[in-house]
C-alpha atoms as a PDB file:
ATOM      1  CA  MET A   1      -2.742 -19.828   4.246  1.00  0.00           C
ATOM      2  CA  ASN A   2      -1.284 -23.837   3.443  1.00  0.00           C
ATOM      3  CA  ILE A   3       0.436 -25.280   0.304  1.00  0.00           C
ATOM      4  CA  ASP A   4      -2.821 -25.727  -1.760  1.00  0.00           C
ATOM      5  CA  GLU A   5      -4.254 -22.275  -0.886  1.00  0.00           C
ATOM      6  CA  LEU A   6      -1.205 -21.034  -2.525  1.00  0.00           C
ATOM      7  CA  GLY A   7      -1.401 -22.796  -5.469  1.00  0.00           C
ATOM      8  CA  ALA A   8      -4.808 -22.077  -5.992  1.00  0.00           C
ATOM      9  CA  GLU A   9      -3.840 -18.611  -5.792  1.00  0.00           C
ATOM     10  CA  GLY A  10      -1.603 -18.984  -8.056  1.00  0.00           C
ATOM     11  CA  PHE A  11       1.884 -18.000  -6.328  1.00  0.00           C
ATOM     12  CA  GLU A  12       4.628 -19.186  -8.516  1.00  0.00           C
ATOM     13  CA  ARG A  13       7.234 -19.323  -5.269  1.00  0.00           C
ATOM     14  CA  VAL A  14       6.883 -18.829  -1.386  1.00  0.00           C
ATOM     15  CA  LEU A  15       9.881 -19.417   0.419  1.00  0.00           C
ATOM     16  CA  LEU A  16      10.329 -20.028   4.538  1.00  0.00           C
ATOM     17  CA  CYS A  17      13.409 -19.343   5.267  1.00  0.00           C
ATOM     18  CA  HIS A  18      15.470 -19.516   8.327  1.00  0.00           C
ATOM     19  CA  ASP A  19      19.313 -18.638   9.333  1.00  0.00           C
ATOM     20  CA  GLU A  20      20.387 -20.424  12.680  1.00  0.00           C
ATOM     21  CA  GLU A  21      23.175 -17.889  12.691  1.00  0.00           C
ATOM     22  CA  THR A  22      21.567 -14.543  12.748  1.00  0.00           C
ATOM     23  CA  GLY A  23      18.031 -15.398  13.885  1.00  0.00           C
ATOM     24  CA  LEU A  24      16.579 -15.113  10.792  1.00  0.00           C
ATOM     25  CA  ARG A  25      13.095 -16.062  10.234  1.00  0.00           C
ATOM     26  CA  SER A  26      11.424 -14.578   6.834  1.00  0.00           C
ATOM     27  CA  VAL A  27       8.645 -15.278   4.291  1.00  0.00           C
ATOM     28  CA  ILE A  28       9.263 -14.550   0.881  1.00  0.00           C
ATOM     29  CA  ALA A  29       6.296 -14.932  -1.930  1.00  0.00           C
ATOM     30  CA  VAL A  30       6.595 -14.238  -5.428  1.00  0.00           C
ATOM     31  CA  HIS A  31       3.094 -14.410  -6.733  1.00  0.00           C
ATOM     32  CA  ASP A  32       3.123 -13.799 -10.520  1.00  0.00           C
ATOM     33  CA  THR A  33       5.775 -12.746 -12.863  1.00  0.00           C
ATOM     34  CA  THR A  34       3.917 -12.588 -16.216  1.00  0.00           C
ATOM     35  CA  LEU A  35       4.692  -9.115 -16.685  1.00  0.00           C
ATOM     36  CA  GLY A  36       8.191  -8.873 -15.407  1.00  0.00           C
ATOM     37  CA  ALA A  37       9.635  -9.475 -12.053  1.00  0.00           C
ATOM     38  CA  ALA A  38       7.744  -9.032  -8.485  1.00  0.00           C
ATOM     39  CA  LEU A  39       8.430  -5.982  -6.753  1.00  0.00           C
ATOM     40  CA  GLY A  40       7.552  -5.601  -3.120  1.00  0.00           C
ATOM     41  CA  GLY A  41       8.213  -4.541   0.189  1.00  0.00           C
ATOM     42  CA  VAL A  42      10.508  -5.908   3.120  1.00  0.00           C
ATOM     43  CA  ARG A  43       7.891  -5.544   6.111  1.00  0.00           C
ATOM     44  CA  MET A  44       9.366  -6.250   9.527  1.00  0.00           C
ATOM     45  CA  ARG A  45       7.301  -6.666  12.722  1.00  0.00           C
ATOM     46  CA  PRO A  46       6.535  -9.245  15.401  1.00  0.00           C
ATOM     47  CA  TYR A  47       3.969 -11.463  13.968  1.00  0.00           C
ATOM     48  CA  PRO A  48       1.813 -13.518  16.518  1.00  0.00           C
ATOM     49  CA  THR A  49       2.678 -16.676  14.386  1.00  0.00           C
ATOM     50  CA  GLN A  50       4.557 -18.034  11.493  1.00  0.00           C
ATOM     51  CA  ASP A  51       0.972 -18.492   9.824  1.00  0.00           C
ATOM     52  CA  ALA A  52      -0.021 -14.990  10.507  1.00  0.00           C
ATOM     53  CA  ALA A  53       2.881 -13.671   8.886  1.00  0.00           C
ATOM     54  CA  ILE A  54       2.778 -16.200   5.758  1.00  0.00           C
ATOM     55  CA  ALA A  55      -0.887 -15.177   5.328  1.00  0.00           C
ATOM     56  CA  GLU A  56       0.049 -10.940   5.466  1.00  0.00           C
ATOM     57  CA  CYS A  57       2.825 -11.729   3.062  1.00  0.00           C
ATOM     58  CA  ALA A  58       1.130 -13.711   0.759  1.00  0.00           C
ATOM     59  CA  SER A  59      -1.841 -11.189   0.722  1.00  0.00           C
ATOM     60  CA  LEU A  60       0.309  -8.367  -0.050  1.00  0.00           C
ATOM     61  CA  ALA A  61       2.114 -10.351  -3.160  1.00  0.00           C
ATOM     62  CA  LYS A  62      -1.252 -10.715  -4.714  1.00  0.00           C
ATOM     63  CA  ALA A  63      -2.286  -7.042  -3.937  1.00  0.00           C
ATOM     64  CA  MET A  64       1.441  -5.961  -5.689  1.00  0.00           C
ATOM     65  CA  THR A  65       0.273  -7.853  -8.585  1.00  0.00           C
ATOM     66  CA  LEU A  66      -2.943  -6.372  -9.375  1.00  0.00           C
ATOM     67  CA  LYS A  67      -1.295  -2.981  -8.571  1.00  0.00           C
ATOM     68  CA  ALA A  68       1.107  -3.674 -11.173  1.00  0.00           C
ATOM     69  CA  ALA A  69      -1.563  -4.593 -13.880  1.00  0.00           C
ATOM     70  CA  ALA A  70      -4.190  -2.253 -13.291  1.00  0.00           C
ATOM     71  CA  THR A  71      -1.576   0.743 -14.017  1.00  0.00           C
ATOM     72  CA  GLY A  72       0.064  -0.548 -16.827  1.00  0.00           C
ATOM     73  CA  LEU A  73       3.499  -1.435 -15.180  1.00  0.00           C
ATOM     74  CA  ASP A  74       5.852  -4.235 -16.259  1.00  0.00           C
ATOM     75  CA  LEU A  75       6.487  -5.693 -13.316  1.00  0.00           C
ATOM     76  CA  GLY A  76       5.011  -8.658 -11.124  1.00  0.00           C
ATOM     77  CA  GLY A  77       3.897  -8.605  -7.443  1.00  0.00           C
ATOM     78  CA  GLY A  78       6.073 -10.118  -4.695  1.00  0.00           C
ATOM     79  CA  TRP A  79       6.444  -9.443  -0.886  1.00  0.00           C
ATOM     80  CA  SER A  80       8.589 -10.339   1.845  1.00  0.00           C
ATOM     81  CA  VAL A  81       8.349 -10.035   5.998  1.00  0.00           C
ATOM     82  CA  ILE A  82      10.603 -10.633   8.734  1.00  0.00           C
ATOM     83  CA  LEU A  83       9.452 -11.824  11.545  1.00  0.00           C
ATOM     84  CA  GLY A  84      10.558  -9.943  14.479  1.00  0.00           C
ATOM     85  CA  ASP A  85      10.381  -6.709  16.548  1.00  0.00           C
ATOM     86  CA  PRO A  86      12.526  -3.845  14.407  1.00  0.00           C
ATOM     87  CA  HIS A  87      13.423  -1.881  17.065  1.00  0.00           C
ATOM     88  CA  GLU A  88      15.651  -4.630  19.030  1.00  0.00           C
ATOM     89  CA  ASP A  89      15.774  -7.935  16.542  1.00  0.00           C
ATOM     90  CA  LYS A  90      16.998  -5.421  13.605  1.00  0.00           C
ATOM     91  CA  ALA A  91      20.601  -6.043  12.300  1.00  0.00           C
ATOM     92  CA  ASP A  92      22.612  -5.746   9.444  1.00  0.00           C
ATOM     93  CA  ALA A  93      23.842  -9.661   9.734  1.00  0.00           C
ATOM     94  CA  LEU A  94      19.946 -10.575   9.469  1.00  0.00           C
ATOM     95  CA  LEU A  95      19.353  -8.137   6.857  1.00  0.00           C
ATOM     96  CA  ARG A  96      21.870  -9.690   4.634  1.00  0.00           C
ATOM     97  CA  ALA A  97      20.919 -13.455   5.528  1.00  0.00           C
ATOM     98  CA  HIS A  98      17.431 -12.237   4.206  1.00  0.00           C
ATOM     99  CA  GLY A  99      19.422 -10.634   1.210  1.00  0.00           C
ATOM    100  CA  ARG A 100      20.771 -14.092   0.578  1.00  0.00           C
ATOM    101  CA  ALA A 101      17.771 -15.900   0.803  1.00  0.00           C
ATOM    102  CA  ILE A 102      15.998 -13.205  -1.639  1.00  0.00           C
ATOM    103  CA  ALA A 103      19.445 -13.828  -4.113  1.00  0.00           C
ATOM    104  CA  THR A 104      18.055 -17.213  -4.580  1.00  0.00           C
ATOM    105  CA  LEU A 105      15.078 -16.367  -6.707  1.00  0.00           C
ATOM    106  CA  GLY A 106      17.633 -14.969  -9.260  1.00  0.00           C
ATOM    107  CA  GLY A 107      16.372 -11.460  -9.583  1.00  0.00           C
ATOM    108  CA  ARG A 108      12.853 -12.674  -9.680  1.00  0.00           C
ATOM    109  CA  PHE A 109      11.943 -10.571  -6.504  1.00  0.00           C
ATOM    110  CA  ILE A 110      13.151  -6.666  -6.355  1.00  0.00           C
ATOM    111  CA  PRO A 111      12.987  -5.508  -2.587  1.00  0.00           C
ATOM    112  CA  VAL A 112      12.078  -1.960  -1.636  1.00  0.00           C
ATOM    113  CA  ASN A 113      11.264  -1.005   2.565  1.00  0.00           C
ATOM    114  CA  ASP A 114       8.058  -0.797   4.125  1.00  0.00           C
ATOM    115  CA  VAL A 115       6.744  -1.097   8.046  1.00  0.00           C
ATOM    116  CA  GLY A 116       9.902  -1.293   9.670  1.00  0.00           C
ATOM    117  CA  THR A 117      12.530  -1.327   7.528  1.00  0.00           C
ATOM    118  CA  THR A 118      14.391   1.801   6.129  1.00  0.00           C
ATOM    119  CA  GLN A 119      15.976   2.274   2.507  1.00  0.00           C
ATOM    120  CA  GLN A 120      19.029   2.151   4.853  1.00  0.00           C
ATOM    121  CA  ASP A 121      18.286  -1.577   5.246  1.00  0.00           C
ATOM    122  CA  ILE A 122      17.464  -2.189   1.750  1.00  0.00           C
ATOM    123  CA  ALA A 123      20.761  -1.257   0.784  1.00  0.00           C
ATOM    124  CA  VAL A 124      22.365  -3.788   3.407  1.00  0.00           C
ATOM    125  CA  ILE A 125      19.797  -6.179   1.638  1.00  0.00           C
ATOM    126  CA  GLY A 126      21.565  -4.904  -1.245  1.00  0.00           C
ATOM    127  CA  GLU A 127      24.859  -6.209  -0.518  1.00  0.00           C
ATOM    128  CA  GLU A 128      23.797  -9.325  -1.225  1.00  0.00           C
ATOM    129  CA  THR A 129      21.457  -9.522  -3.692  1.00  0.00           C
ATOM    130  CA  SER A 130      20.692  -7.098  -7.089  1.00  0.00           C
ATOM    131  CA  PRO A 131      18.687  -5.576  -7.786  1.00  0.00           C
ATOM    132  CA  VAL A 132      17.038  -3.712  -4.951  1.00  0.00           C
ATOM    133  CA  CYS A 133      14.993  -0.539  -4.333  1.00  0.00           C
ATOM    134  CA  ALA A 134      17.206   1.729  -2.121  1.00  0.00           C
ATOM    135  CA  GLN A 135      17.873   4.913  -3.669  1.00  0.00           C
ATOM    136  CA  ASP A 136      14.881   7.977  -3.347  1.00  0.00           C
ATOM    137  CA  ASP A 137      11.852   7.196  -0.926  1.00  0.00           C
ATOM    138  CA  PRO A 138       8.877   6.324  -2.905  1.00  0.00           C
ATOM    139  CA  SER A 139       6.527   7.460   0.178  1.00  0.00           C
ATOM    140  CA  PRO A 140       6.315  11.231  -1.072  1.00  0.00           C
ATOM    141  CA  MET A 141       4.757   9.823  -4.816  1.00  0.00           C
ATOM    142  CA  THR A 142       2.580   7.049  -2.843  1.00  0.00           C
ATOM    143  CA  ALA A 143       0.862  10.314  -0.814  1.00  0.00           C
ATOM    144  CA  LEU A 144       0.686  12.344  -4.557  1.00  0.00           C
ATOM    145  CA  GLY A 145      -1.037   9.311  -6.312  1.00  0.00           C
ATOM    146  CA  VAL A 146      -3.444   9.032  -3.138  1.00  0.00           C
ATOM    147  CA  LEU A 147      -4.316  13.275  -3.271  1.00  0.00           C
ATOM    148  CA  GLU A 148      -4.757  12.388  -7.325  1.00  0.00           C
ATOM    149  CA  GLY A 149      -6.979   9.654  -6.378  1.00  0.00           C
ATOM    150  CA  ILE A 150      -8.963  11.559  -3.746  1.00  0.00           C
ATOM    151  CA  ARG A 151      -9.510  14.149  -6.339  1.00  0.00           C
ATOM    152  CA  ALA A 152     -11.175  11.486  -8.940  1.00  0.00           C
ATOM    153  CA  CYS A 153     -13.250   9.937  -6.066  1.00  0.00           C
ATOM    154  CA  VAL A 154     -14.138  13.583  -4.473  1.00  0.00           C
ATOM    155  CA  ARG A 155     -15.427  14.647  -8.426  1.00  0.00           C
ATOM    156  CA  HIS A 156     -17.269  11.430  -8.772  1.00  0.00           C
ATOM    157  CA  ARG A 157     -18.939  11.256  -5.693  1.00  0.00           C
ATOM    158  CA  LEU A 158     -19.390  15.177  -4.311  1.00  0.00           C
ATOM    159  CA  GLY A 159     -18.998  17.070  -7.611  1.00  0.00           C
ATOM    160  CA  ARG A 160     -16.268  18.959  -6.361  1.00  0.00           C
ATOM    161  CA  THR A 161     -13.463  19.882  -8.770  1.00  0.00           C
ATOM    162  CA  GLY A 162     -11.227  21.408  -5.201  1.00  0.00           C
ATOM    163  CA  LEU A 163     -10.281  19.977  -2.187  1.00  0.00           C
ATOM    164  CA  GLY A 164     -10.652  23.312  -0.227  1.00  0.00           C
ATOM    165  CA  GLY A 165     -12.726  22.845   2.875  1.00  0.00           C
ATOM    166  CA  LEU A 166     -13.037  19.040   2.171  1.00  0.00           C
ATOM    167  CA  ARG A 167     -12.585  17.179   5.419  1.00  0.00           C
ATOM    168  CA  VAL A 168     -10.180  14.529   5.551  1.00  0.00           C
ATOM    169  CA  ASN A 169      -9.237  11.633   8.296  1.00  0.00           C
ATOM    170  CA  VAL A 170      -5.870  10.485   7.955  1.00  0.00           C
ATOM    171  CA  GLN A 171      -4.940   7.455   9.833  1.00  0.00           C
ATOM    172  CA  GLY A 172      -1.661   6.968  10.126  1.00  0.00           C
ATOM    173  CA  ALA A 173       1.261   9.681  10.310  1.00  0.00           C
ATOM    174  CA  GLY A 174       4.276   7.743   9.438  1.00  0.00           C
ATOM    175  CA  HIS A 175       6.020   8.356   6.050  1.00  0.00           C
ATOM    176  CA  VAL A 176       2.985   7.980   3.632  1.00  0.00           C
ATOM    177  CA  GLY A 177       0.185   9.616   5.848  1.00  0.00           C
ATOM    178  CA  ALA A 178       2.814  12.484   6.786  1.00  0.00           C
ATOM    179  CA  ALA A 179       3.419  13.723   3.080  1.00  0.00           C
ATOM    180  CA  LEU A 180      -0.376  13.385   2.602  1.00  0.00           C
ATOM    181  CA  VAL A 181      -1.365  15.205   5.426  1.00  0.00           C
ATOM    182  CA  ARG A 182       1.233  18.315   4.075  1.00  0.00           C
ATOM    183  CA  LEU A 183      -0.541  17.782   0.265  1.00  0.00           C
ATOM    184  CA  LEU A 184      -3.909  18.045   1.433  1.00  0.00           C
ATOM    185  CA  VAL A 185      -3.144  20.863   3.667  1.00  0.00           C
ATOM    186  CA  ALA A 186      -1.486  22.593   0.986  1.00  0.00           C
ATOM    187  CA  GLU A 187      -4.864  22.200  -0.918  1.00  0.00           C
ATOM    188  CA  GLY A 188      -6.661  23.739   1.834  1.00  0.00           C
ATOM    189  CA  ALA A 189      -8.631  20.483   3.066  1.00  0.00           C
ATOM    190  CA  ASP A 190      -9.647  20.543   6.744  1.00  0.00           C
ATOM    191  CA  VAL A 191      -7.175  17.536   7.781  1.00  0.00           C
ATOM    192  CA  THR A 192      -7.449  15.590  11.164  1.00  0.00           C
ATOM    193  CA  VAL A 193      -4.531  12.675  11.483  1.00  0.00           C
ATOM    194  CA  ALA A 194      -4.650  10.059  14.201  1.00  0.00           C
ATOM    195  CA  ASP A 195      -1.232   7.999  15.174  1.00  0.00           C
ATOM    196  CA  VAL A 196      -0.796   4.825  17.518  1.00  0.00           C
ATOM    197  CA  LEU A 197       2.774   7.110  18.007  1.00  0.00           C
ATOM    198  CA  PRO A 198       1.604  10.347  19.794  1.00  0.00           C
ATOM    199  CA  ALA A 199       4.861  12.016  18.750  1.00  0.00           C
ATOM    200  CA  ARG A 200       4.199  11.463  15.226  1.00  0.00           C
ATOM    201  CA  THR A 201       0.926  13.287  15.258  1.00  0.00           C
ATOM    202  CA  GLU A 202       2.217  15.943  17.726  1.00  0.00           C
ATOM    203  CA  HIS A 203       5.163  16.991  15.114  1.00  0.00           C
ATOM    204  CA  LEU A 204       2.974  17.033  12.208  1.00  0.00           C
ATOM    205  CA  ALA A 205       0.152  18.937  13.758  1.00  0.00           C
ATOM    206  CA  ALA A 206       2.611  21.839  14.931  1.00  0.00           C
ATOM    207  CA  GLU A 207       4.158  21.338  11.445  1.00  0.00           C
ATOM    208  CA  THR A 208       1.051  21.643   8.718  1.00  0.00           C
ATOM    209  CA  GLY A 209      -1.941  23.096  11.937  1.00  0.00           C
ATOM    210  CA  ALA A 210      -4.088  19.740  11.048  1.00  0.00           C
ATOM    211  CA  GLY A 211      -6.172  18.193  13.860  1.00  0.00           C
ATOM    212  CA  VAL A 212      -5.139  15.536  16.407  1.00  0.00           C
ATOM    213  CA  VAL A 213      -7.791  12.589  17.252  1.00  0.00           C
ATOM    214  CA  ASP A 214      -6.952   9.558  19.792  1.00  0.00           C
ATOM    215  CA  PRO A 215      -6.771   6.571  16.586  1.00  0.00           C
ATOM    216  CA  ALA A 216      -9.524   4.940  18.478  1.00  0.00           C
ATOM    217  CA  ASP A 217     -12.123   7.883  17.518  1.00  0.00           C
ATOM    218  CA  LEU A 218     -10.720   8.204  14.051  1.00  0.00           C
ATOM    219  CA  LEU A 219     -12.976   5.763  12.309  1.00  0.00           C
ATOM    220  CA  ALA A 220     -15.888   7.095  13.774  1.00  0.00           C
ATOM    221  CA  LEU A 221     -15.365  11.033  13.215  1.00  0.00           C
ATOM    222  CA  ASP A 222     -17.453  12.665  10.802  1.00  0.00           C
ATOM    223  CA  CYS A 223     -15.509  13.484   7.511  1.00  0.00           C
ATOM    224  CA  ASP A 224     -15.687  13.448   3.139  1.00  0.00           C
ATOM    225  CA  VAL A 225     -12.849  11.342   2.777  1.00  0.00           C
ATOM    226  CA  LEU A 226     -11.169   8.667   5.095  1.00  0.00           C
ATOM    227  CA  ALA A 227      -7.617   8.112   4.106  1.00  0.00           C
ATOM    228  CA  PRO A 228      -6.409   4.967   5.991  1.00  0.00           C
ATOM    229  CA  CYS A 229      -2.323   5.372   5.755  1.00  0.00           C
ATOM    230  CA  ALA A 230      -1.159   2.840   8.526  1.00  0.00           C
ATOM    231  CA  LEU A 231      -1.698  -1.064   8.387  1.00  0.00           C
ATOM    232  CA  GLY A 232      -4.440  -2.638   6.229  1.00  0.00           C
ATOM    233  CA  GLY A 233      -7.689  -4.243   7.373  1.00  0.00           C
ATOM    234  CA  ILE A 234      -9.313  -1.425   8.829  1.00  0.00           C
ATOM    235  CA  VAL A 235     -12.762  -1.924   7.177  1.00  0.00           C
ATOM    236  CA  THR A 236     -14.638  -5.167   9.155  1.00  0.00           C
ATOM    237  CA  ASP A 237     -17.886  -6.319  10.371  1.00  0.00           C
ATOM    238  CA  ALA A 238     -16.759  -4.412  13.426  1.00  0.00           C
ATOM    239  CA  THR A 239     -15.959  -0.955  11.838  1.00  0.00           C
ATOM    240  CA  ILE A 240     -18.305  -0.402   9.101  1.00  0.00           C
ATOM    241  CA  PRO A 241     -21.559   0.735  11.025  1.00  0.00           C
ATOM    242  CA  ALA A 242     -19.428   3.072  12.706  1.00  0.00           C
ATOM    243  CA  LEU A 243     -17.947   4.924   9.459  1.00  0.00           C
ATOM    244  CA  ARG A 244     -18.834   8.368   9.080  1.00  0.00           C
ATOM    245  CA  CYS A 245     -17.455   9.124   5.448  1.00  0.00           C
ATOM    246  CA  GLN A 246     -18.682   9.083   1.786  1.00  0.00           C
ATOM    247  CA  VAL A 247     -15.248   8.079   0.243  1.00  0.00           C
ATOM    248  CA  ILE A 248     -12.319   5.750   1.480  1.00  0.00           C
ATOM    249  CA  ALA A 249      -9.091   6.507  -0.161  1.00  0.00           C
ATOM    250  CA  GLY A 250      -5.794   5.902   1.294  1.00  0.00           C
ATOM    251  CA  GLY A 251      -2.088   4.576   1.188  1.00  0.00           C
ATOM    252  CA  ALA A 252      -2.464   1.721   3.430  1.00  0.00           C
ATOM    253  CA  ASN A 253      -2.867  -2.238   1.460  1.00  0.00           C
ATOM    254  CA  ASN A 254      -5.234  -4.459   1.559  1.00  0.00           C
ATOM    255  CA  VAL A 255      -7.767  -1.996   3.402  1.00  0.00           C
ATOM    256  CA  LEU A 256     -10.735  -4.252   3.480  1.00  0.00           C
ATOM    257  CA  GLY A 257     -10.820  -6.840   5.897  1.00  0.00           C
ATOM    258  CA  ALA A 258     -12.425  -9.327   3.586  1.00  0.00           C
ATOM    259  CA  PRO A 259     -13.862  -9.045  -0.077  1.00  0.00           C
ATOM    260  CA  GLU A 260     -17.370  -9.108   0.789  1.00  0.00           C
ATOM    261  CA  HIS A 261     -16.956  -5.591   2.736  1.00  0.00           C
ATOM    262  CA  ALA A 262     -16.445  -3.551  -0.500  1.00  0.00           C
ATOM    263  CA  GLN A 263     -20.444  -4.572  -1.359  1.00  0.00           C
ATOM    264  CA  ASP A 264     -21.063  -3.360   2.194  1.00  0.00           C
ATOM    265  CA  LEU A 265     -19.455  -0.453   1.869  1.00  0.00           C
ATOM    266  CA  ALA A 266     -21.472   0.081  -1.569  1.00  0.00           C
ATOM    267  CA  ARG A 267     -24.562  -0.652   0.436  1.00  0.00           C
ATOM    268  CA  ARG A 268     -23.859   2.087   2.894  1.00  0.00           C
ATOM    269  CA  ASN A 269     -23.161   4.506   0.036  1.00  0.00           C
ATOM    270  CA  ILE A 270     -19.528   5.068   0.494  1.00  0.00           C
ATOM    271  CA  LEU A 271     -17.444   5.143  -2.395  1.00  0.00           C
ATOM    272  CA  TYR A 272     -14.123   2.924  -2.238  1.00  0.00           C
ATOM    273  CA  ALA A 273     -11.124   3.304  -4.244  1.00  0.00           C
ATOM    274  CA  PRO A 274      -9.528   0.374  -4.432  1.00  0.00           C
ATOM    275  CA  ASP A 275      -6.229   0.419  -2.585  1.00  0.00           C
ATOM    276  CA  PHE A 276      -4.050  -1.489  -4.992  1.00  0.00           C
ATOM    277  CA  CYS A 277      -5.047   1.439  -7.336  1.00  0.00           C
ATOM    278  CA  VAL A 278      -4.602   4.490  -5.473  1.00  0.00           C
ATOM    279  CA  ASN A 279      -1.787   4.073  -3.711  1.00  0.00           C
ATOM    280  CA  ALA A 280       0.361   2.734  -6.915  1.00  0.00           C
ATOM    281  CA  GLY A 281       2.362   6.038  -6.674  1.00  0.00           C
ATOM    282  CA  GLY A 282       5.366   4.552  -4.569  1.00  0.00           C
ATOM    283  CA  LEU A 283       5.389   1.820  -7.379  1.00  0.00           C
ATOM    284  CA  ILE A 284       5.014   3.767 -10.191  1.00  0.00           C
ATOM    285  CA  PHE A 285       8.019   6.055  -8.823  1.00  0.00           C
ATOM    286  CA  LEU A 286       9.963   3.035  -8.188  1.00  0.00           C
ATOM    287  CA  ALA A 287       9.401   1.211 -11.983  1.00  0.00           C
ATOM    288  CA  GLU A 288      10.278   4.676 -13.392  1.00  0.00           C
ATOM    289  CA  GLN A 289      13.602   4.296 -11.414  1.00  0.00           C
ATOM    290  CA  LEU A 290      14.384   0.868 -12.429  1.00  0.00           C
ATOM    291  CA  LEU A 291      14.092   1.895 -15.649  1.00  0.00           C
ATOM    292  CA  GLY A 292      16.253   5.103 -15.250  1.00  0.00           C
ATOM    293  CA  HIS A 293      14.007   7.602 -16.202  1.00  0.00           C
ATOM    294  CA  ASP A 294      14.104  11.185 -14.545  1.00  0.00           C
ATOM    295  CA  PHE A 295      11.917  12.620 -11.348  1.00  0.00           C
ATOM    296  CA  GLU A 296       9.774  15.241 -13.296  1.00  0.00           C
ATOM    297  CA  ARG A 297       8.781  11.792 -16.024  1.00  0.00           C
ATOM    298  CA  ALA A 298       8.272   9.608 -13.068  1.00  0.00           C
ATOM    299  CA  ARG A 299       5.894  12.317 -11.170  1.00  0.00           C
ATOM    300  CA  ASN A 300       3.858  12.810 -13.764  1.00  0.00           C
ATOM    301  CA  ARG A 301       3.290   9.221 -14.474  1.00  0.00           C
ATOM    302  CA  VAL A 302       2.005   9.107 -10.791  1.00  0.00           C
ATOM    303  CA  LEU A 303      -0.269  11.842 -11.180  1.00  0.00           C
ATOM    304  CA  GLY A 304      -1.816   8.980 -13.925  1.00  0.00           C
ATOM    305  CA  VAL A 305      -3.367   7.226 -10.786  1.00  0.00           C
ATOM    306  CA  GLY A 306      -6.102   9.839 -10.828  1.00  0.00           C
ATOM    307  CA  GLU A 307      -6.857   8.583 -14.468  1.00  0.00           C
ATOM    308  CA  VAL A 308      -6.981   5.102 -13.529  1.00  0.00           C
ATOM    309  CA  ILE A 309      -9.260   5.368 -10.394  1.00  0.00           C
ATOM    310  CA  ARG A 310     -11.690   7.553 -12.805  1.00  0.00           C
ATOM    311  CA  ASP A 311     -11.531   4.601 -15.307  1.00  0.00           C
ATOM    312  CA  VAL A 312     -12.197   2.188 -12.468  1.00  0.00           C
ATOM    313  CA  LEU A 313     -15.387   4.228 -11.057  1.00  0.00           C
ATOM    314  CA  GLY A 314     -16.415   4.109 -14.420  1.00  0.00           C
ATOM    315  CA  ARG A 315     -16.392   1.052 -15.084  1.00  0.00           C
ATOM    316  CA  ALA A 316     -17.990   0.100 -11.860  1.00  0.00           C
ATOM    317  CA  ASP A 317     -20.993   2.692 -12.676  1.00  0.00           C
ATOM    318  CA  ARG A 318     -21.323   1.195 -15.965  1.00  0.00           C
ATOM    319  CA  GLU A 319     -21.401  -2.664 -15.072  1.00  0.00           C
ATOM    320  CA  ASN A 320     -22.931  -2.141 -11.857  1.00  0.00           C
ATOM    321  CA  ILE A 321     -20.331  -3.989  -9.870  1.00  0.00           C
ATOM    322  CA  SER A 322     -18.176  -2.958  -6.820  1.00  0.00           C
ATOM    323  CA  THR A 323     -14.965  -0.729  -7.528  1.00  0.00           C
ATOM    324  CA  THR A 324     -13.016  -3.445  -6.027  1.00  0.00           C
ATOM    325  CA  GLN A 325     -14.404  -6.088  -8.847  1.00  0.00           C
ATOM    326  CA  ALA A 326     -13.853  -3.230 -11.153  1.00  0.00           C
ATOM    327  CA  ALA A 327     -10.480  -2.978 -10.199  1.00  0.00           C
ATOM    328  CA  HIS A 328      -9.699  -6.460 -10.454  1.00  0.00           C
ATOM    329  CA  ASP A 329     -11.124  -6.854 -13.744  1.00  0.00           C
ATOM    330  CA  LEU A 330      -8.707  -4.018 -15.323  1.00  0.00           C
ATOM    331  CA  ALA A 331      -6.038  -5.592 -13.876  1.00  0.00           C
ATOM    332  CA  MET A 332      -6.703  -9.287 -14.930  1.00  0.00           C
ATOM    333  CA  THR A 333      -7.417  -8.096 -18.415  1.00  0.00           C
ATOM    334  CA  ARG A 334      -3.842  -6.856 -18.722  1.00  0.00           C
ATOM    335  CA  LEU A 335      -2.417 -10.199 -17.165  1.00  0.00           C
ATOM    336  CA  LYS A 336      -4.617 -12.509 -19.656  1.00  0.00           C
ATOM    337  CA  SER A 337      -3.870 -10.426 -22.777  1.00  0.00           C
END
């Protein structure tokens, strides 16, 4: 994305950061702070180009604005990415340099761990900036919200009140994916999981009894619900014809490769739970932490993700629009008010 495109999308601030001493190359995007400070992840991965890093950072930041607004939180949307391999390039000095860059925003961006970073990494970043979210891992709460979203979708589309016997394919066995698998198995669902790291799925299968398939085969495997819990962009022109599911609802961000794919899924009678609503449990949990509320109150608010999804699905039906448009309208109504 170029400067004109970022401006057209309403971004308040985008920083391109470089620290010669540590080798830091990072991007920090603050999309919208109408409702409050922007809370977002710190992602670290080896992007092919700086432009690719900017594009992903901007997309995730914008999604966070919609997520906070749609779920009734007094937070804005932002994100940051560090260019580099987290297994080879990560170092405390580099993380602190990223923290100093965040500090220049004067509290307008609150970082939390994401792909390639841990809560310990965020604590290191917190040595240079404040506030940060480095206490409890939000992943289990993201998974709990996804579970409630799946419950709402299954009732809406399949007329089922329980999840027992439901066939769910989970893409990704990281923190969120693994937590979701455990929750689904506890509900009696028939779960199959895939991950690019075989050790993850092997361990999870041994623990839960979930089935395991190769990641290349998961999307075309027949199921009731596909739950993407890895990186985004999995619904594309190439993958849509192969999908064999009735519902898509998962913990990944930016699941759709392009906005028009929401309509493509609808034409195939696949119910899509907009990712920025169904995966909001972690953000809700973090917002409650920032307010100093206790765990039970935070958990109860996360359970409300199902109600948000029911509202979105009902709005989409009444107005004959895609679920993504319904969720976007819900978020924009709150932002404009």
